[in-house]
Amino acid sequence: MVRLGFIIGLLAIIGGLLSGLAAHRVYDQELTIDRIALSRAIDIHASLVQDRLTERELLGRVASGLFRTPSVLRADMLEPLRSAIYAFKTDFVLAGWVLRLRPDEIPDAERVLRNAGFPNAAIRNYQGPLNTPEDMTSPLDVLMDVEPRIDSTTEQLGRSLTDHPQLGPTLARALRERRPVASDPFELRHRNGAIGLVLAAPVQQIGTDAAIGFVTFSYELAPLMLANDDNALFSVALKDPRAADRELVADDRGAVTGRAARADMPPAVVRTERFGSRDWILAYYPKTSSVARAQNSAALTAAIGIVLTMLICGLFGYISYSNLRLRREIEVRIGFERRLTAVIDELNHRVKNILAVIQSIVTRTLRHGSDVDVGRELLIGRIHAMSNVVSLLTDSQWQGVKLKGLLDSRAVPHAARIAVNGPDIMVSARAAQSLALLFFELASHADSAPQASQPPNVVAQWTVTGCGDDALFHFRWEEFNSTAATRREDSEFGVILLDRVVPEALGGQAKRYFTDVSYVYEITAPLATVVDQGERERTGRIAAPIKPRP
């Protein structure tokens, strides 16, 4: 009996020690896993917020860059921008054109608003009637056009924003720094008191540093920064820039309210995002306590361990199984986090590259001295070509696209007039972006031949010669019935794209010339820089040739 008691006591001690050790290990593991999951979820949310803010600031810069100096006062200055700004698919609630008016221009501005059919055409302060113009010495920033034009927005036309408590200082800073500036959060009058902010981008007079007005975009604060999944591990709050001890939070309906920051419950993570030439601080609070959850898990493990201690045969088996299960779960979760991190990094890299390409397209297309209508048409077409190739790459999970798809009518003008002939090869993502811009540029400058009896025929054909590392890709674009006198002259951006950008991107050489009956553009590049090598390895051959279009 003594020996049996000794053995039972020894087993009880060993079981108690093992149970305590298992409880401690579970506690550490659960705490670590919860913190990793919370950290990754916060990283994803912060990255999405920054991407969203970057897109909206880019919209402000592009919109201000599309303006030219107006020759007269107008009430429809946003008309050229209406289609362009919606192409960005940003969720602004109001776009506005704010004109800097001298006191002597006030009667003309009222006449313009009246002739446009707006019910209240009087130029007035934001909160009341305007002072006598004779007593005014400085310009007023007056709202002259809005988008969308509905009753709740058009009634604001003619209001001076100079005396607005939030917008007045914002416009003054944007004028002083000559770059887009975001306002403090405030109640948007046209959104029934919803909390939001305004991004103001100055529009400068060409050839001078003087600003003629501002393009403004209003955004609700909830979808812009505080939108969050109901199943998220955290809640997010925005530090109120107007008061250091207050925060702005959104409820499940998207309504934003203020609250006092709790000194006894600091946020788990604080992130700073850049938007509108100022820093915005996001505070993340976990919805559940990781420590309490880990303690509960550890207590449960200890209780199970003690109970299983009385089951001598199952003690060691249960502990081994529990440890193995926990180890595998941790490995699976850590592996998932690593893959997720790699995907997010790759996505950020690709988004930055695409934004850089779009910025280059906008800068080259809308250079000083260029025709606005032609520039807007080319800009929308080039961005549409980039959008089409990104859609194709997204459908293929960025594994490459078929070359024929880049000549589709959705992205290439006059596609019905282009005869396509060549093997339907799978081109890489990098080559697809360059070729999409190349095809659009060639097609957009094709001769319309108004004096010819028949429209010009365009033949796009490509071949692959050689094998192995010596394989070459040959592309030839030929426009029949086109001459140097009738063909639309290539733009500066088009010349750079045709002669330098695309050949350098593909590692090849290009040339363009006129024959007696046609205009020809040719490019030769190593096949390895054009095709998707992964697709070639999977299929073991190049796809069958495409039948030429009739």
Protein backbone atom coordinates (compact mmCIF):
# COMPACT_ATOMS: atom_id res chain seq x y z
CA MET A 1 0.00 0.00 0.00
CA VAL A 2 2.82 2.33 0.89
CA ARG A 3 4.50 1.66 -2.44
CA LEU A 4 1.20 2.05 -4.28
CA GLY A 5 0.51 5.29 -2.46
CA PHE A 6 4.04 6.44 -3.24
CA ILE A 7 3.53 5.62 -6.93
CA ILE A 8 0.13 7.30 -6.99
CA GLY A 9 1.54 10.33 -5.19
CA LEU A 10 4.49 10.43 -7.56
CA LEU A 11 2.18 10.17 -10.55
CA ALA A 12 -0.03 12.89 -9.04
CA ILE A 13 3.00 15.15 -8.61
CA ILE A 14 4.19 14.42 -12.15
CA GLY A 15 0.67 14.94 -13.47
CA GLY A 16 0.34 18.23 -11.58
CA LEU A 17 3.70 19.42 -12.91
CA LEU A 18 2.82 18.41 -16.45
CA SER A 19 -0.60 20.04 -16.15
CA GLY A 20 0.96 23.28 -14.93
CA LEU A 21 3.56 23.17 -17.70
CA ALA A 22 0.87 22.57 -20.34
CA ALA A 23 -1.24 25.43 -18.95
CA HIS A 24 1.73 27.80 -19.07
CA ARG A 25 2.56 26.76 -22.64
CA VAL A 26 -1.02 27.16 -23.81
CA TYR A 27 -1.11 30.58 -22.18
CA ASP A 28 2.00 31.72 -24.06
CA GLN A 29 0.84 30.23 -27.35
CA GLU A 30 -2.65 31.71 -27.23
CA LEU A 31 -1.30 35.09 -26.22
CA THR A 32 1.27 35.03 -29.03
CA ILE A 33 -1.25 33.89 -31.65
CA ASP A 34 -3.80 36.54 -30.63
CA ARG A 35 -1.19 39.28 -30.75
CA ILE A 36 0.08 38.14 -34.16
CA ALA A 37 -3.46 37.97 -35.54
CA LEU A 38 -4.29 41.41 -34.13
CA SER A 39 -1.07 42.90 -35.50
CA ARG A 40 -1.64 41.50 -39.00
CA ALA A 41 -5.27 42.63 -39.06
CA ILE A 42 -4.19 46.14 -38.06
CA ASP A 43 -1.45 46.13 -40.71
CA ILE A 44 -3.99 45.19 -43.40
CA HIS A 45 -6.47 47.86 -42.29
CA ALA A 46 -3.79 50.58 -42.10
CA SER A 47 -2.47 49.60 -45.54
CA LEU A 48 -5.95 49.75 -47.06
CA VAL A 49 -6.59 53.15 -45.46
CA GLN A 50 -3.31 54.54 -46.81
CA ASP A 51 -4.05 53.20 -50.31
CA ARG A 52 -7.51 54.75 -50.14
CA LEU A 53 -6.08 58.11 -49.05
CA THR A 54 -3.39 57.99 -51.74
CA GLU A 55 -6.00 57.39 -54.46
CA ARG A 56 -8.07 60.35 -53.31
CA GLU A 57 -5.09 62.70 -53.06
CA LEU A 58 -4.04 61.61 -56.55
CA LEU A 59 -7.57 62.43 -57.77
CA GLY A 60 -7.21 65.95 -56.35
CA ARG A 61 -3.85 66.47 -58.05
CA VAL A 62 -5.11 65.14 -61.40
CA ALA A 63 -8.31 67.20 -61.24
CA SER A 64 -6.41 70.42 -60.50
CA GLY A 65 -3.95 69.63 -63.29
CA LEU A 66 -6.78 69.29 -65.85
CA PHE A 67 -7.85 72.91 -65.37
CA ARG A 68 -6.72 75.76 -67.60
CA THR A 69 -7.04 79.47 -66.93
CA PRO A 70 -10.68 80.45 -67.64
CA SER A 71 -11.18 83.43 -69.94
CA VAL A 72 -14.53 84.41 -68.40
CA LEU A 73 -16.53 83.69 -65.28
CA ARG A 74 -18.45 80.43 -65.72
CA ALA A 75 -20.84 78.31 -63.65
CA ASP A 76 -19.96 75.01 -65.34
CA MET A 77 -16.21 74.76 -64.78
CA LEU A 78 -16.52 71.13 -63.60
CA GLU A 79 -18.13 70.05 -66.88
CA PRO A 80 -14.83 68.83 -68.49
CA LEU A 81 -14.03 66.89 -65.31
CA ARG A 82 -17.34 65.14 -64.70
CA SER A 83 -16.58 62.00 -66.68
CA ALA A 84 -12.90 61.94 -65.69
CA ILE A 85 -13.34 62.16 -61.92
CA TYR A 86 -15.95 59.38 -61.88
CA ALA A 87 -13.54 57.14 -63.80
CA PHE A 88 -11.40 56.98 -60.65
CA LYS A 89 -14.34 55.41 -58.76
CA THR A 90 -13.58 57.26 -55.55
CA ASP A 91 -16.43 57.74 -53.07
CA PHE A 92 -16.44 61.52 -52.81
CA VAL A 93 -19.80 62.97 -51.82
CA LEU A 94 -19.27 66.41 -53.37
CA ALA A 95 -16.83 67.93 -55.85
CA GLY A 96 -16.67 71.70 -56.05
CA TRP A 97 -15.06 74.51 -58.03
CA VAL A 98 -14.11 77.46 -55.79
CA LEU A 99 -13.16 80.65 -57.64
CA ARG A 100 -11.10 83.49 -56.17
CA LEU A 101 -13.19 86.61 -56.86
CA ARG A 102 -11.98 90.19 -56.64
CA PRO A 103 -14.54 92.64 -55.22
CA ASP A 104 -15.11 94.19 -58.67
CA GLU A 105 -15.98 90.74 -60.12
CA ILE A 106 -18.86 90.07 -57.74
CA PRO A 107 -21.64 91.55 -59.98
CA ASP A 108 -20.40 89.52 -62.96
CA ALA A 109 -20.32 86.34 -60.87
CA GLU A 110 -23.90 86.91 -59.69
CA ARG A 111 -25.02 87.42 -63.28
CA VAL A 112 -23.32 84.18 -64.35
CA LEU A 113 -25.06 82.18 -61.60
CA ARG A 114 -28.37 83.81 -62.41
CA ASN A 115 -28.05 83.04 -66.12
CA ALA A 116 -27.22 79.41 -65.25
CA GLY A 117 -30.67 79.11 -63.66
CA PHE A 118 -29.66 78.71 -60.00
CA PRO A 119 -32.35 79.96 -57.58
CA ASN A 120 -30.05 81.95 -55.31
CA ALA A 121 -27.41 83.76 -57.37
CA ALA A 122 -26.33 86.27 -54.73
CA ILE A 123 -22.69 86.17 -53.63
CA ARG A 124 -22.82 85.88 -49.85
CA ASN A 125 -20.77 84.94 -46.82
CA TYR A 126 -21.06 81.41 -45.50
CA GLN A 127 -23.27 82.41 -42.57
CA GLY A 128 -24.96 85.57 -43.88
CA PRO A 129 -25.13 88.39 -46.42
CA LEU A 130 -21.98 89.80 -47.97
CA ASN A 131 -20.40 93.01 -46.76
CA THR A 132 -20.51 96.03 -49.03
CA PRO A 133 -18.09 95.30 -51.93
CA GLU A 134 -16.67 98.81 -51.62
CA ASP A 135 -15.43 97.91 -48.15
CA MET A 136 -13.70 94.74 -49.30
CA THR A 137 -9.98 94.75 -50.07
CA SER A 138 -9.11 91.06 -50.50
CA PRO A 139 -10.46 88.34 -52.84
CA LEU A 140 -13.21 85.95 -51.79
CA ASP A 141 -13.15 82.19 -52.34
CA VAL A 142 -16.65 81.59 -53.77
CA LEU A 143 -18.23 78.22 -54.61
CA MET A 144 -19.26 78.46 -58.31
CA ASP A 145 -19.94 74.85 -59.40
CA VAL A 146 -20.66 71.51 -57.70
CA GLU A 147 -20.99 67.85 -58.64
CA PRO A 148 -23.49 66.28 -58.19
CA ARG A 149 -25.97 69.06 -58.94
CA ILE A 150 -28.92 68.39 -56.67
CA ASP A 151 -31.09 70.68 -54.55
CA SER A 152 -29.05 70.12 -51.39
CA THR A 153 -25.80 71.10 -53.17
CA THR A 154 -26.79 73.84 -55.62
CA GLU A 155 -28.24 75.94 -52.83
CA GLN A 156 -24.66 76.42 -51.61
CA LEU A 157 -23.50 78.03 -54.87
CA GLY A 158 -22.52 81.66 -54.42
CA ARG A 159 -21.36 81.18 -50.82
CA SER A 160 -17.97 82.52 -49.86
CA LEU A 161 -15.86 79.92 -48.04
CA THR A 162 -13.33 82.47 -46.83
CA ASP A 163 -15.14 82.88 -43.49
CA HIS A 164 -15.89 79.13 -43.09
CA PRO A 165 -14.24 78.03 -39.79
CA GLN A 166 -12.69 74.89 -41.33
CA LEU A 167 -12.55 75.53 -45.07
CA GLY A 168 -11.26 79.10 -44.83
CA PRO A 169 -7.93 78.15 -43.17
CA THR A 170 -7.69 75.06 -45.41
CA LEU A 171 -7.97 77.11 -48.61
CA ALA A 172 -5.50 79.65 -47.28
CA ARG A 173 -2.95 76.93 -46.51
CA ALA A 174 -3.45 75.25 -49.91
CA LEU A 175 -2.94 78.63 -51.58
CA ARG A 176 0.19 79.28 -49.53
CA GLU A 177 1.77 75.82 -50.02
CA ARG A 178 0.49 75.24 -53.61
CA ARG A 179 -0.49 71.61 -52.96
CA PRO A 180 -3.61 69.68 -51.88
CA VAL A 181 -4.53 70.24 -48.23
CA ALA A 182 -7.13 68.42 -46.11
CA SER A 183 -9.38 70.22 -43.64
CA ASP A 184 -10.18 69.34 -40.05
CA PRO A 185 -13.20 67.00 -39.61
CA PHE A 186 -16.50 68.87 -39.48
CA GLU A 187 -20.19 68.36 -40.19
CA LEU A 188 -20.89 68.27 -43.93
CA ARG A 189 -23.83 70.55 -44.57
CA HIS A 190 -25.00 68.66 -47.66
CA ARG A 191 -24.88 65.26 -45.86
CA ASN A 192 -27.29 66.01 -43.01
CA GLY A 193 -24.58 66.63 -40.46
CA ALA A 194 -22.37 63.63 -41.27
CA ILE A 195 -18.78 64.10 -40.11
CA GLY A 196 -16.34 64.44 -42.99
CA LEU A 197 -13.46 66.45 -44.38
CA VAL A 198 -12.60 68.35 -47.55
CA LEU A 199 -9.49 68.02 -49.73
CA ALA A 200 -8.69 71.33 -51.51
CA ALA A 201 -6.29 71.38 -54.48
CA PRO A 202 -5.20 74.82 -55.81
CA VAL A 203 -5.50 75.53 -59.53
CA GLN A 204 -2.69 77.81 -60.68
CA GLN A 205 -2.73 80.23 -63.56
CA ILE A 206 -0.50 78.91 -66.33
CA GLY A 207 2.83 80.68 -66.48
CA THR A 208 2.51 82.24 -63.01
CA ASP A 209 2.39 81.24 -59.36
CA ALA A 210 -1.00 82.87 -58.87
CA ALA A 211 -3.95 80.61 -57.97
CA ILE A 212 -7.26 81.23 -59.74
CA GLY A 213 -9.26 78.88 -57.54
CA PHE A 214 -9.52 75.45 -55.99
CA VAL A 215 -10.93 72.02 -56.83
CA THR A 216 -12.45 70.53 -53.68
CA PHE A 217 -13.60 67.00 -52.84
CA SER A 218 -15.71 66.20 -49.76
CA TYR A 219 -15.48 62.77 -48.13
CA GLU A 220 -17.34 61.21 -45.24
CA LEU A 221 -14.94 60.25 -42.48
CA ALA A 222 -16.41 56.80 -41.75
CA PRO A 223 -15.77 55.10 -45.13
CA LEU A 224 -12.56 57.07 -45.63
CA MET A 225 -10.68 56.04 -42.47
CA LEU A 226 -12.93 54.39 -39.89
CA ALA A 227 -14.72 51.73 -41.96
CA ASN A 228 -14.22 48.35 -40.33
CA ASP A 229 -15.48 44.78 -40.58
CA ASP A 230 -18.00 43.79 -37.91
CA ASN A 231 -15.98 40.61 -37.29
CA ALA A 232 -12.69 42.47 -36.92
CA LEU A 233 -10.51 41.87 -33.88
CA PHE A 234 -10.26 45.59 -33.17
CA SER A 235 -12.10 48.89 -33.25
CA VAL A 236 -10.44 51.92 -34.81
CA ALA A 237 -10.59 55.55 -33.71
CA LEU A 238 -9.19 58.74 -35.24
CA LYS A 239 -7.37 61.14 -32.96
CA ASP A 240 -9.28 64.42 -33.30
CA PRO A 241 -6.79 66.98 -34.68
CA ARG A 242 -8.86 69.74 -33.05
CA ALA A 243 -8.45 68.36 -29.50
CA ALA A 244 -5.62 66.12 -28.30
CA ASP A 245 -7.80 64.42 -25.66
CA ARG A 246 -10.67 63.44 -27.97
CA GLU A 247 -11.23 60.71 -30.56
CA LEU A 248 -13.66 60.16 -33.44
CA VAL A 249 -15.28 56.73 -33.82
CA ALA A 250 -17.88 55.27 -36.20
CA ASP A 251 -20.75 52.98 -35.17
CA ASP A 252 -22.09 50.02 -37.18
CA ARG A 253 -24.28 52.38 -39.25
CA GLY A 254 -21.33 54.60 -40.21
CA ALA A 255 -22.30 57.54 -37.95
CA VAL A 256 -19.21 59.28 -36.56
CA THR A 257 -19.24 60.65 -33.01
CA GLY A 258 -16.63 62.07 -30.67
CA ARG A 259 -15.56 60.73 -27.32
CA ALA A 260 -12.95 61.50 -24.70
CA ALA A 261 -9.73 59.48 -24.97
CA ARG A 262 -9.37 57.14 -21.97
CA ALA A 263 -6.03 57.52 -20.23
CA ASP A 264 -6.55 54.20 -18.37
CA MET A 265 -7.04 52.23 -21.60
CA PRO A 266 -4.39 53.16 -24.18
CA PRO A 267 -4.73 51.76 -27.72
CA ALA A 268 -2.89 48.57 -28.61
CA VAL A 269 -1.36 50.12 -31.75
CA VAL A 270 -1.13 53.67 -33.10
CA ARG A 271 -0.57 54.28 -36.81
CA THR A 272 0.08 57.58 -38.61
CA GLU A 273 -1.28 58.02 -42.15
CA ARG A 274 -0.40 60.91 -44.52
CA PHE A 275 -3.20 62.66 -46.40
CA GLY A 276 -3.70 66.20 -47.60
CA SER A 277 -0.27 67.46 -46.39
CA ARG A 278 -0.97 66.46 -42.78
CA ASP A 279 -0.68 63.46 -40.49
CA TRP A 280 -3.74 61.52 -39.27
CA ILE A 281 -3.35 59.29 -36.22
CA LEU A 282 -5.38 56.07 -36.07
CA ALA A 283 -5.72 54.32 -32.71
CA TYR A 284 -6.57 50.59 -32.66
CA TYR A 285 -8.31 49.02 -29.65
CA PRO A 286 -8.72 45.23 -29.35
CA LYS A 287 -12.34 44.12 -28.88
CA THR A 288 -11.40 41.29 -26.54
CA SER A 289 -8.63 40.91 -23.98
CA SER A 290 -5.91 38.58 -25.22
CA VAL A 291 -4.66 38.05 -21.66
CA ALA A 292 -8.11 37.02 -20.37
CA ARG A 293 -8.61 34.64 -23.27
CA ALA A 294 -5.17 33.12 -22.78
CA GLN A 295 -5.84 32.75 -19.02
CA ASN A 296 -9.14 30.99 -19.70
CA SER A 297 -7.43 28.62 -22.11
CA ALA A 298 -4.63 27.97 -19.63
CA ALA A 299 -7.07 27.35 -16.77
CA LEU A 300 -9.07 24.93 -18.89
CA THR A 301 -5.89 23.08 -19.88
CA ALA A 302 -4.81 22.81 -16.24
CA ALA A 303 -8.21 21.46 -15.17
CA ILE A 304 -8.17 18.89 -17.94
CA GLY A 305 -4.63 17.93 -17.00
CA ILE A 306 -5.57 17.39 -13.37
CA VAL A 307 -8.61 15.32 -14.30
CA LEU A 308 -6.60 13.26 -16.74
CA THR A 309 -3.96 12.71 -14.06
CA MET A 310 -6.41 10.33 -12.36
CA LEU A 311 -6.65 8.43 -15.62
CA ILE A 312 -3.13 6.99 -15.46
CA CYS A 313 -3.22 5.28 -18.83
CA GLY A 314 -4.48 8.32 -20.74
CA LEU A 315 -2.35 10.97 -19.05
CA PHE A 316 0.72 10.89 -21.27
CA GLY A 317 -1.27 10.18 -24.43
CA TYR A 318 -3.51 13.20 -23.89
CA ILE A 319 -0.60 15.54 -23.14
CA SER A 320 1.28 14.35 -26.22
CA TYR A 321 -1.78 14.72 -28.42
CA SER A 322 -2.58 18.18 -27.02
CA ASN A 323 0.98 19.41 -27.58
CA LEU A 324 1.07 18.02 -31.11
CA ARG A 325 -2.28 19.62 -31.95
CA LEU A 326 -1.20 22.97 -30.58
CA ARG A 327 2.13 22.80 -32.40
CA ARG A 328 0.46 22.04 -35.72
CA GLU A 329 -2.06 24.82 -35.24
CA ILE A 330 0.70 27.32 -34.54
CA GLU A 331 2.66 26.20 -37.59
CA VAL A 332 -0.44 26.52 -39.79
CA ARG A 333 -1.23 29.98 -38.47
CA ILE A 334 2.36 31.20 -38.78
CA GLY A 335 2.55 29.83 -42.33
CA PHE A 336 -0.69 31.60 -43.21
CA GLU A 337 0.61 34.87 -41.78
CA ARG A 338 3.80 34.60 -43.81
CA ARG A 339 1.89 33.96 -47.02
CA LEU A 340 -0.48 36.81 -46.25
CA THR A 341 2.45 39.15 -45.64
CA ALA A 342 4.01 38.18 -48.96
CA VAL A 343 0.72 38.77 -50.80
CA ILE A 344 0.24 42.19 -49.17
CA ASP A 345 3.81 43.25 -49.97
CA GLU A 346 3.39 42.16 -53.59
CA LEU A 347 0.06 43.98 -53.85
CA ASN A 348 1.54 47.18 -52.42
CA HIS A 349 4.45 46.95 -54.87
CA ARG A 350 2.15 46.50 -57.84
CA VAL A 351 -0.22 49.29 -56.79
CA LYS A 352 2.71 51.70 -56.37
CA ASN A 353 4.06 50.72 -59.80
CA ILE A 354 0.66 51.25 -61.44
CA LEU A 355 0.23 54.63 -59.69
CA ALA A 356 3.71 55.65 -60.86
CA VAL A 357 2.83 54.69 -64.46
CA ILE A 358 -0.45 56.63 -64.27
CA GLN A 359 1.34 59.66 -62.79
CA SER A 360 3.85 59.53 -65.66
CA ILE A 361 1.01 59.25 -68.20
CA VAL A 362 -0.83 62.23 -66.67
CA THR A 363 2.33 64.37 -66.50
CA ARG A 364 3.34 63.62 -70.10
CA THR A 365 -0.17 63.94 -71.53
CA LEU A 366 -1.18 67.15 -69.73
CA ARG A 367 2.07 69.05 -70.18
CA HIS A 368 1.97 72.85 -70.45
CA GLY A 369 0.81 74.05 -73.85
CA SER A 370 -1.05 70.88 -74.84
CA ASP A 371 -4.62 70.95 -76.12
CA VAL A 372 -6.99 70.15 -73.25
CA ASP A 373 -9.59 68.27 -75.32
CA VAL A 374 -7.01 66.13 -77.11
CA GLY A 375 -5.06 65.64 -73.89
CA ARG A 376 -8.18 64.59 -71.98
CA GLU A 377 -9.13 62.09 -74.72
CA LEU A 378 -5.63 60.58 -74.79
CA LEU A 379 -5.40 60.57 -70.98
CA ILE A 380 -8.71 58.73 -70.56
CA GLY A 381 -7.78 56.28 -73.31
CA ARG A 382 -4.34 55.53 -71.85
CA ILE A 383 -5.74 55.06 -68.37
CA HIS A 384 -8.48 52.84 -69.84
CA ALA A 385 -5.80 50.77 -71.59
CA MET A 386 -3.99 50.36 -68.26
CA SER A 387 -7.29 49.48 -66.56
CA ASN A 388 -8.03 46.82 -69.20
CA VAL A 389 -4.65 45.11 -68.83
CA VAL A 390 -4.90 45.22 -65.02
CA SER A 391 -8.35 43.55 -65.29
CA LEU A 392 -6.91 40.85 -67.54
CA LEU A 393 -3.99 40.29 -65.18
CA THR A 394 -6.33 40.17 -62.19
CA ASP A 395 -8.45 37.51 -63.89
CA SER A 396 -5.31 35.41 -64.42
CA GLN A 397 -3.98 36.11 -60.90
CA TRP A 398 -1.09 38.07 -62.46
CA GLN A 399 0.17 34.97 -64.26
CA GLY A 400 0.19 36.73 -67.66
CA VAL A 401 -2.39 37.36 -70.41
CA LYS A 402 -2.95 36.17 -73.97
CA LEU A 403 -1.48 38.63 -76.47
CA LYS A 404 -4.73 38.61 -78.47
CA GLY A 405 -6.61 39.96 -75.44
CA LEU A 406 -4.50 43.16 -75.51
CA LEU A 407 -5.93 43.97 -78.97
CA ASP A 408 -9.54 43.71 -77.76
CA SER A 409 -11.93 46.51 -78.75
CA ARG A 410 -12.47 47.49 -75.12
CA ALA A 411 -9.01 49.05 -74.91
CA VAL A 412 -7.86 49.63 -78.53
CA PRO A 413 -9.59 52.22 -80.77
CA HIS A 414 -10.74 51.08 -84.23
CA ALA A 415 -10.22 47.42 -83.21
CA ALA A 416 -12.64 46.26 -85.92
CA ARG A 417 -10.22 47.56 -88.58
CA ILE A 418 -7.24 45.61 -87.25
CA ALA A 419 -6.39 42.23 -88.73
CA VAL A 420 -4.54 40.11 -86.17
CA ASN A 421 -2.22 37.26 -87.11
CA GLY A 422 0.25 35.40 -84.92
CA PRO A 423 0.59 32.67 -82.28
CA ASP A 424 -1.62 33.28 -79.25
CA ILE A 425 1.27 33.44 -76.80
CA MET A 426 0.98 34.16 -73.09
CA VAL A 427 2.87 37.38 -72.31
CA SER A 428 4.18 38.24 -68.86
CA ALA A 429 2.55 40.84 -66.59
CA ARG A 430 5.37 43.37 -67.11
CA ALA A 431 5.34 42.95 -70.90
CA ALA A 432 1.52 43.13 -70.99
CA GLN A 433 1.46 46.61 -69.42
CA SER A 434 4.01 47.95 -71.93
CA LEU A 435 2.31 46.31 -74.93
CA ALA A 436 -1.16 47.56 -73.88
CA LEU A 437 0.05 51.18 -73.94
CA LEU A 438 1.90 50.52 -77.21
CA PHE A 439 -1.22 49.12 -78.97
CA PHE A 440 -3.40 51.99 -77.74
CA GLU A 441 -0.86 54.58 -78.88
CA LEU A 442 -0.58 53.03 -82.35
CA ALA A 443 -4.35 52.63 -82.76
CA SER A 444 -5.25 56.10 -81.42
CA HIS A 445 -3.01 57.77 -84.01
CA ALA A 446 -4.17 55.65 -86.97
CA ASP A 447 -5.09 57.67 -90.07
CA SER A 448 -8.85 58.19 -90.46
CA ALA A 449 -8.30 58.86 -94.22
CA PRO A 450 -11.34 61.15 -94.82
CA GLN A 451 -10.25 61.67 -98.45
CA ALA A 452 -9.77 57.98 -99.30
CA SER A 453 -12.46 55.81 -100.82
CA GLN A 454 -11.77 53.04 -98.32
CA PRO A 455 -10.63 53.31 -94.66
CA PRO A 456 -7.04 52.18 -94.07
CA ASN A 457 -6.49 48.52 -93.24
CA VAL A 458 -4.33 47.86 -90.19
CA VAL A 459 -2.44 44.57 -89.87
CA ALA A 460 -0.93 43.54 -86.53
CA GLN A 461 1.17 40.41 -86.79
CA TRP A 462 3.90 38.75 -84.79
CA THR A 463 6.15 35.76 -85.15
CA VAL A 464 8.56 33.74 -83.01
CA THR A 465 11.85 32.61 -84.49
CA GLY A 466 14.67 30.53 -83.08
CA CYS A 467 14.52 28.29 -80.05
CA GLY A 468 15.79 28.12 -76.52
CA ASP A 469 17.64 31.18 -75.21
CA ASP A 470 18.04 32.51 -78.78
CA ALA A 471 14.30 32.71 -79.50
CA LEU A 472 13.16 36.14 -80.72
CA PHE A 473 9.80 37.86 -80.77
CA HIS A 474 9.02 39.98 -83.87
CA PHE A 475 6.04 42.36 -83.91
CA ARG A 476 4.97 44.38 -86.96
CA TRP A 477 2.21 47.02 -87.12
CA GLU A 478 1.36 48.22 -90.64
CA GLU A 479 -1.28 50.86 -91.55
CA PHE A 480 -2.07 50.73 -95.28
CA ASN A 481 -3.14 53.88 -97.18
CA SER A 482 -1.37 56.01 -94.56
CA THR A 483 1.23 58.64 -95.38
CA ALA A 484 3.23 61.14 -93.39
CA ALA A 485 0.88 63.86 -94.66
CA THR A 486 -2.38 62.19 -93.61
CA ARG A 487 -1.47 60.20 -90.50
CA ARG A 488 -2.04 61.86 -87.17
CA GLU A 489 1.32 62.98 -85.80
CA ASP A 490 2.51 61.06 -82.73
CA SER A 491 2.46 62.97 -79.47
CA GLU A 492 5.60 63.63 -77.46
CA PHE A 493 4.55 60.92 -75.01
CA GLY A 494 3.80 58.57 -77.92
CA VAL A 495 7.24 59.08 -79.48
CA ILE A 496 8.95 58.37 -76.17
CA LEU A 497 6.77 55.29 -75.63
CA LEU A 498 7.35 53.91 -79.15
CA ASP A 499 11.06 54.62 -79.46
CA ARG A 500 12.37 54.20 -75.93
CA VAL A 501 10.03 53.00 -73.19
CA VAL A 502 8.63 49.83 -74.79
CA PRO A 503 11.93 48.69 -76.39
CA GLU A 504 13.77 49.18 -73.10
CA ALA A 505 11.04 47.36 -71.16
CA LEU A 506 11.25 44.37 -73.54
CA GLY A 507 15.03 44.54 -73.97
CA GLY A 508 14.75 44.90 -77.74
CA GLN A 509 14.89 47.39 -80.60
CA ALA A 510 12.16 49.28 -82.46
CA LYS A 511 11.85 51.29 -85.64
CA ARG A 512 9.07 53.14 -87.45
CA TYR A 513 8.96 54.36 -91.02
CA PHE A 514 6.72 55.06 -94.00
CA THR A 515 6.69 52.94 -97.16
CA ASP A 516 5.08 53.91 -100.44
CA VAL A 517 1.73 52.55 -99.30
CA SER A 518 1.83 52.27 -95.49
CA TYR A 519 3.10 53.30 -92.10
CA VAL A 520 5.11 50.58 -90.31
CA TYR A 521 6.19 50.10 -86.71
CA GLU A 522 8.39 47.09 -85.86
CA ILE A 523 9.91 45.82 -82.65
CA THR A 524 12.20 42.85 -82.04
CA ALA A 525 12.94 41.53 -78.55
CA PRO A 526 14.13 38.34 -76.84
CA LEU A 527 11.22 35.97 -76.35
CA ALA A 528 12.23 35.41 -72.72
CA THR A 529 11.37 39.06 -71.86
CA VAL A 530 7.96 38.87 -73.57
CA VAL A 531 6.33 35.54 -72.79
CA ASP A 532 5.26 34.14 -69.44
CA GLN A 533 7.86 31.43 -68.79
CA GLY A 534 5.63 29.67 -66.28
CA GLU A 535 2.93 29.17 -68.92
CA ARG A 536 5.47 27.87 -71.44
CA GLU A 537 6.78 25.34 -68.94
CA ARG A 538 3.25 24.14 -68.18
CA THR A 539 2.16 23.75 -71.79
CA GLY A 540 5.53 22.85 -73.33
CA ARG A 541 4.69 24.73 -76.49
CA ILE A 542 3.37 28.02 -77.85
CA ALA A 543 -0.38 28.07 -78.48
CA ALA A 544 -1.80 27.57 -81.96
CA PRO A 545 -1.82 30.63 -84.28
CA ILE A 546 -4.81 32.93 -84.26
CA LYS A 547 -6.92 33.02 -87.36
CA PRO A 548 -6.71 36.48 -88.96
CA ARG A 549 -9.81 38.62 -88.75
CA PRO A 550 -11.76 38.97 -92.02
